[in-house]
Protein backbone atom coordinates (compact mmCIF):
# COMPACT_ATOMS: atom_id res chain seq x y z
CA MET A 1 0.00 -0.04 -0.02
CA PRO A 2 1.49 3.33 -1.12
CA LEU A 3 2.40 5.46 2.00
CA PRO A 4 -0.12 8.23 1.61
CA ARG A 5 -2.97 5.61 1.45
CA LEU A 6 -1.48 3.93 4.60
CA HIS A 7 -1.74 7.30 6.56
CA ARG A 8 -5.37 7.85 5.46
CA ALA A 9 -6.05 4.35 6.38
CA VAL A 10 -4.90 4.76 9.96
CA ASP A 11 -7.23 7.75 10.26
CA VAL A 12 -10.12 5.91 8.62
CA LEU A 13 -9.69 2.67 10.94
CA ALA A 14 -9.51 4.88 13.95
CA MET A 15 -12.78 6.54 13.06
CA TRP A 16 -14.43 3.16 12.29
CA SER A 17 -13.27 1.67 15.68
CA GLU A 18 -14.92 4.86 17.28
CA ASP A 19 -18.06 4.06 15.57
CA LEU A 20 -18.37 0.74 17.24
CA LYS A 21 -18.50 2.56 20.67
CA ARG A 22 -22.12 3.17 21.41
CA LEU A 23 -23.31 6.72 21.72
CA ALA A 24 -26.74 7.76 22.81
CA PRO A 25 -28.76 10.03 20.39
CA ALA A 26 -28.24 13.61 21.44
CA PRO A 27 -30.46 16.47 19.92
CA PHE A 28 -29.00 19.37 18.07
CA VAL A 29 -29.01 22.53 20.17
CA GLY A 30 -28.25 25.69 18.34
CA ALA A 31 -26.55 28.79 19.24
CA ASP A 32 -26.51 32.52 17.89
CA GLY A 33 -22.86 32.85 16.61
CA ALA A 34 -21.87 35.40 19.22
CA PRO A 35 -18.05 35.52 20.00
CA LEU A 36 -16.69 33.14 22.55
CA ASP A 37 -16.86 34.47 26.08
CA CYS A 38 -13.48 33.63 27.29
CA PHE A 39 -11.21 36.68 26.35
CA GLY A 40 -12.27 39.14 29.36
CA PRO A 41 -10.31 39.66 32.53
CA LEU A 42 -8.95 36.65 34.44
CA PRO A 43 -9.75 36.08 38.22
CA ALA A 44 -6.83 36.25 40.70
CA LEU A 45 -4.10 33.85 39.77
CA PRO A 46 -3.27 30.93 41.97
CA PRO A 47 0.11 29.79 42.94
CA PRO A 48 1.99 28.16 40.09
CA PRO A 49 2.46 24.46 39.62
CA GLY A 50 5.49 23.08 41.55
CA PRO A 51 8.67 21.71 39.67
CA SER A 52 7.09 18.32 39.02
CA GLY A 53 4.07 16.12 39.52
CA ALA A 54 0.25 16.88 39.77
CA TRP A 55 -1.23 20.27 40.40
CA ARG A 56 -4.68 21.51 41.02
CA ALA A 57 -6.24 24.92 41.26
CA PRO A 58 -9.98 26.26 40.86
CA SER A 59 -10.96 26.54 37.24
CA PRO A 60 -11.62 30.05 36.16
CA ARG A 61 -14.90 28.83 34.57
CA PRO A 62 -16.06 25.81 36.90
CA THR A 63 -18.75 23.63 35.82
CA PRO A 64 -20.70 21.03 37.89
CA GLY A 65 -18.51 18.06 38.40
CA ASP A 66 -15.47 19.74 36.66
CA ALA A 67 -14.58 22.71 38.89
CA GLU A 68 -10.48 22.24 39.22
CA MET A 69 -7.85 22.62 36.72
CA HIS A 70 -5.47 19.68 36.54
CA VAL A 71 -1.83 19.98 35.41
CA GLU A 72 0.98 17.39 35.28
CA ALA A 73 4.32 19.26 35.58
CA THR A 74 7.58 17.95 33.97
CA PRO A 75 10.81 19.63 34.81
CA PRO A 76 13.23 20.67 32.28
CA ARG A 77 16.57 18.74 31.48
CA GLY A 78 19.73 20.90 30.72
CA ARG A 79 19.64 24.59 30.47
CA PRO A 80 16.06 25.81 31.19
CA ARG A 81 14.50 28.11 28.73
CA GLY A 82 11.08 28.72 29.90
CA THR A 83 7.65 27.17 30.31
CA LEU A 84 5.42 25.59 27.69
CA VAL A 85 1.77 24.59 28.33
CA LEU A 86 0.91 21.36 26.54
CA VAL A 87 -2.60 20.58 25.59
CA PRO A 88 -3.46 17.04 24.64
CA PRO A 89 -5.70 15.80 21.83
CA TRP A 90 -9.59 15.13 22.23
CA LYS A 91 -10.51 11.72 24.01
CA LEU A 92 -6.85 11.14 25.18
CA PRO A 93 -7.42 7.78 26.98
CA ARG A 94 -4.13 7.92 29.12
CA LEU A 95 -1.73 10.61 29.76
CA SER A 96 1.21 8.24 29.10
CA LEU A 97 0.47 8.53 25.41
CA LEU A 98 2.08 11.92 25.66
CA SER A 99 5.21 10.97 27.36
CA GLY A 100 7.16 11.22 24.09
CA TRP A 101 5.95 14.89 23.74
CA ARG A 102 6.69 15.67 27.18
CA ALA A 103 10.32 14.19 27.12
CA LEU A 104 10.91 16.04 23.74
CA LEU A 105 10.10 19.45 25.05
CA ALA A 106 11.75 18.91 28.62
CA GLY A 107 14.83 17.61 26.82
CA ALA A 108 15.01 20.88 24.89
CA GLY A 109 15.07 22.67 28.20
CA TRP A 110 11.39 23.70 28.80
CA GLU A 111 9.27 22.99 31.91
CA VAL A 112 6.27 21.41 30.57
CA TRP A 113 2.74 21.91 32.16
CA THR A 114 0.42 19.36 30.74
CA LEU A 115 -3.16 20.35 31.21
CA ILE A 116 -5.85 17.80 31.52
CA PRO A 117 -8.57 19.34 29.43
CA PRO A 118 -12.26 19.76 30.77
CA ARG A 119 -14.34 16.57 30.43
CA HIS A 120 -11.04 14.46 29.93
CA LEU A 121 -9.51 11.63 31.98
CA HIS A 122 -10.48 11.86 35.72
CA ARG A 123 -12.22 15.21 34.77
CA ALA A 124 -14.78 13.32 32.80
CA ALA A 125 -18.15 12.75 34.30
CA PRO A 126 -18.64 9.42 36.10
CA GLY A 127 -19.44 6.67 33.84
CA SER A 128 -18.29 8.87 30.66
CA ARG A 129 -15.19 8.00 28.67
CA SER A 130 -12.55 10.64 28.41
CA GLY A 131 -13.60 13.35 26.25
CA GLU A 132 -17.28 12.15 25.45
CA GLY A 133 -18.66 15.22 27.12
CA PHE A 134 -16.47 17.73 25.18
CA VAL A 135 -18.10 17.64 21.77
CA SER A 136 -21.51 17.05 20.92
CA PRO A 137 -24.19 18.26 18.85
CA ASP A 138 -25.15 20.74 21.60
CA VAL A 139 -23.28 24.01 20.45
CA PRO A 140 -23.87 25.87 23.66
CA ALA A 141 -22.26 22.91 25.62
CA LEU A 142 -19.41 22.64 23.14
CA ARG A 143 -19.03 26.41 23.48
CA ALA A 144 -18.96 26.08 27.33
CA ALA A 145 -16.27 23.44 27.25
CA PHE A 146 -13.90 25.42 24.79
CA GLU A 147 -14.58 28.57 26.91
CA GLN A 148 -13.40 26.65 29.98
CA LEU A 149 -10.54 25.24 28.24
CA VAL A 150 -9.39 28.47 26.82
CA LEU A 151 -9.62 30.23 30.07
CA GLU A 152 -7.71 27.69 31.94
CA LEU A 153 -4.87 27.95 29.20
CA ARG A 154 -4.99 31.72 29.81
CA VAL A 155 -4.48 31.34 33.46
CA LEU A 156 -1.49 28.86 33.05
CA ALA A 157 -0.17 31.45 30.29
CA ALA A 158 -0.23 34.17 32.82
CA LEU A 159 1.55 31.92 35.37
CA ALA A 160 4.21 30.91 32.97
CA ARG A 161 4.75 34.52 32.02
CA GLU A 162 5.66 35.20 35.57
CA ARG A 163 8.45 32.73 35.28
CA PRO A 164 12.00 33.16 33.89
CA GLY A 165 12.48 32.47 30.28
CA GLU A 166 9.81 32.42 27.53
CA ALA A 167 6.17 31.23 27.83
CA GLY A 168 4.23 29.30 25.26
CA VAL A 169 1.53 26.96 24.45
CA ILE A 170 1.56 23.66 22.22
CA GLY A 171 -1.61 22.09 21.39
CA LEU A 172 -2.32 18.80 19.89
CA SER A 173 -5.45 18.15 17.61
CA LEU A 174 -8.36 19.51 19.24
CA GLY A 175 -5.90 20.95 21.84
CA GLY A 176 -4.26 22.65 18.89
CA LEU A 177 -7.49 24.67 18.12
CA ALA A 178 -7.56 25.72 21.80
CA ALA A 179 -3.89 26.69 21.49
CA LEU A 180 -4.72 28.85 18.51
CA LEU A 181 -7.58 30.73 20.39
CA ALA A 182 -5.17 31.15 23.42
CA ALA A 183 -2.71 32.65 21.12
CA THR A 184 -5.24 35.65 20.46
CA ALA A 185 -5.82 36.29 24.18
CA PRO A 186 -4.58 39.39 26.09
CA GLU A 187 -1.59 37.26 27.58
CA ARG A 188 1.06 37.95 25.09
CA LEU A 189 2.67 34.50 24.70
CA ASP A 190 6.28 34.24 23.18
CA LEU A 191 5.15 31.25 21.13
CA ALA A 192 2.16 29.06 20.05
CA ALA A 193 2.19 26.02 18.21
CA ALA A 194 -0.79 23.87 16.86
CA ILE A 195 -0.30 20.34 15.57
CA GLY A 196 -3.07 19.05 13.49
CA PRO A 197 -5.69 21.55 14.69
CA PRO A 198 -9.35 21.10 13.48
CA ALA A 199 -9.49 24.91 12.77
CA GLU A 200 -12.59 24.69 10.74
CA LEU A 201 -15.21 22.84 13.02
CA ALA A 202 -18.02 23.27 10.29
CA ALA A 203 -16.01 21.25 7.74
CA VAL A 204 -15.17 18.71 10.33
CA PHE A 205 -18.74 18.02 11.18
CA ALA A 206 -19.82 18.04 7.60
CA ARG A 207 -16.76 16.07 5.77
CA THR A 208 -15.41 13.73 8.17
CA ARG A 209 -16.99 10.26 9.33
CA ILE A 210 -16.64 11.31 12.96
CA GLY A 211 -18.33 14.66 12.45
CA ARG A 212 -21.30 13.21 10.41
CA ARG A 213 -21.77 10.54 13.00
CA TYR A 214 -22.51 13.30 15.57
CA LEU A 215 -24.94 14.95 13.12
CA ARG A 216 -26.80 11.67 12.73
CA LEU A 217 -27.08 11.23 16.35
CA ALA A 218 -28.94 14.53 16.48
CA THR A 219 -31.27 13.37 13.82
CA ARG A 220 -31.93 10.19 15.59
CA ALA A 221 -32.83 12.15 18.59
CA GLY A 222 -35.49 13.95 16.64
CA ALA A 223 -33.75 17.29 16.53
CA PRO A 224 -31.57 17.23 13.31
CA PRO A 225 -29.02 19.91 12.53
CA PRO A 226 -29.72 22.92 10.51
CA PRO A 227 -28.66 23.50 6.90
CA PRO A 228 -24.73 23.73 6.30
CA ALA A 229 -24.81 27.53 6.03
CA ALA A 230 -26.61 27.91 9.39
CA LEU A 231 -24.33 25.48 11.18
CA GLU A 232 -21.34 27.29 9.66
CA ALA A 233 -22.42 30.38 11.16
CA MET A 234 -22.97 28.82 14.56
CA LEU A 235 -19.52 27.38 14.57
CA ALA A 236 -17.79 30.64 13.17
CA PRO A 237 -16.86 31.79 16.65
CA PHE A 238 -14.39 28.79 16.81
CA ARG A 239 -12.40 30.02 13.82
CA PRO A 240 -9.16 31.58 14.91
CA GLU A 241 -8.70 33.62 11.92
CA ALA A 242 -11.78 35.61 12.94
CA ARG A 243 -9.35 37.12 15.76
CA ARG A 244 -5.67 38.71 15.56
CA PRO A 245 -2.74 36.84 17.07
CA THR A 246 -1.15 38.21 20.38
CA ALA A 247 1.48 35.60 20.43
CA ARG A 248 4.87 36.71 19.17
CA ARG A 249 5.61 33.77 16.76
CA VAL A 250 2.98 31.01 15.69
CA LEU A 251 3.61 27.51 14.08
CA VAL A 252 0.97 25.45 12.50
CA ALA A 253 1.58 22.05 11.52
CA VAL A 254 -0.72 19.74 9.37
CA GLY A 255 -0.70 16.23 7.87
CA ALA A 256 -1.27 16.30 4.02
CA GLU A 257 -3.35 13.02 4.51
CA ASP A 258 -5.32 14.12 7.52
CA ARG A 259 -8.87 12.76 7.42
CA ILE A 260 -9.88 13.70 11.02
CA ALA A 261 -9.08 17.27 11.30
CA LEU A 262 -8.66 18.39 7.80
CA PRO A 263 -5.68 20.50 7.07
CA GLU A 264 -7.33 23.20 4.97
CA GLY A 265 -8.83 25.02 7.83
CA ALA A 266 -5.50 25.25 9.86
CA LEU A 267 -3.44 26.29 6.65
CA ALA A 268 -6.12 29.34 6.09
CA VAL A 269 -5.30 30.32 9.87
CA ALA A 270 -1.48 30.35 9.01
CA ARG A 271 -2.27 32.42 5.87
CA ALA A 272 -4.42 34.78 7.72
CA TRP A 273 -1.93 35.43 10.36
CA GLY A 274 1.25 35.36 8.43
CA ALA A 275 2.29 32.37 10.69
CA GLU A 276 4.79 29.58 9.84
CA ALA A 277 3.07 26.61 8.31
CA ARG A 278 4.38 23.24 7.70
CA THR A 279 2.85 20.24 5.82
CA TYR A 280 3.94 16.76 6.42
CA PRO A 281 3.05 13.52 4.41
CA ARG A 282 1.14 12.21 7.29
CA GLY A 283 -2.44 11.47 8.40
CA HIS A 284 -3.88 12.89 11.62
CA LEU A 285 -2.89 10.18 13.92
CA THR A 286 0.51 9.37 12.43
CA LEU A 287 1.39 13.29 12.45
CA LEU A 288 0.46 13.14 16.14
CA PHE A 289 2.25 9.96 17.23
CA ALA A 290 4.42 8.78 14.37
CA CYS A 291 6.32 11.70 12.76
CA GLY A 292 9.87 12.59 13.76
CA ALA A 293 10.11 15.49 11.41
CA VAL A 294 7.35 17.38 13.11
CA ARG A 295 8.86 17.03 16.55
CA ARG A 296 12.17 18.10 15.32
CA ASP A 297 10.82 21.20 13.58
CA LEU A 298 8.70 21.95 16.78
CA VAL A 299 11.92 21.92 18.97
CA ARG A 300 13.73 24.06 16.34
CA PHE A 301 10.60 26.69 16.13
CA ALA A 302 10.49 26.72 20.11
CA SER A 303 14.22 27.12 20.71
CA PRO A 304 15.39 28.91 17.74
CA GLU A 305 18.66 30.26 19.32
CA ARG A 306 19.97 26.99 20.85
CA ASP A 307 23.11 28.83 22.02
CA ALA A 308 21.40 31.59 23.80
CA PRO A 309 22.28 32.04 27.44
CA ALA A 310 20.36 29.93 29.84
CA VAL A 311 17.85 31.45 31.93
CA ALA A 312 18.33 31.42 35.88
CA PRO A 313 16.45 28.71 37.51
CA ALA A 314 13.18 30.14 39.49
CA ALA A 315 13.16 30.34 43.02
CA ARG A 316 10.68 27.65 44.50
């Protein structure tokens, strides 16, 4: 099998296996297309994460059963360069799947704060799989989950900016979309990178197997989705290019064969922002978990001056 077909097949197989997991019908609930409510003033900041291990603090937008932020901190190795917030992909089943990304960034001198997104892992509702409550045909619920995630990223960004060195955010897949939105927030990050972000959610719902499944669930529930143009208008606030970036430098990385997030929307963001864009001969999952080139490029992007003086370690 030619390599492009193999990368596409991995994505298709993943979506097929996801279809085997039973989901209850869920009615479509519309929204008015108003801007996301996650870019206003932040509450008082909590103490920052410690040098390593688990950290918890009140969420700036608590929801019933999910009122705390959860972070796993990884200390840097070698000369410290600053702090990066790592945002996992949707439906991450276990944090250990990101051990390679965490080790990569820590090995490049970064302190890594891995945020457990709302509705994921131990933040998921009892009896719910990781991430299941994050995406649904309920657009107001989807907005609420994203707003909570972006606000939590802003809190961590503000804490990271108080530490020595640079501060940035790295997002994978759906976490990449959140990272792009956080890159437009008042906290001026030094860098932001999005790896395989689904930057055009309306296209993902309309053109991918996993998106069309959610629309079918709404139809089965007796409340089908609206026509494509109306759905696109409701999801327009999630498009990062509708806002201007505040991050000093931005990297967008996509897989040319991506059949889950679709590369076109992310590349449109890069063009609109004048950001660095890189395309790899990978699918969605193979970009995230089987692409050494994107990891090497990310390290070069995050640490462009490898011979720059080290920052002084922070007092704890």
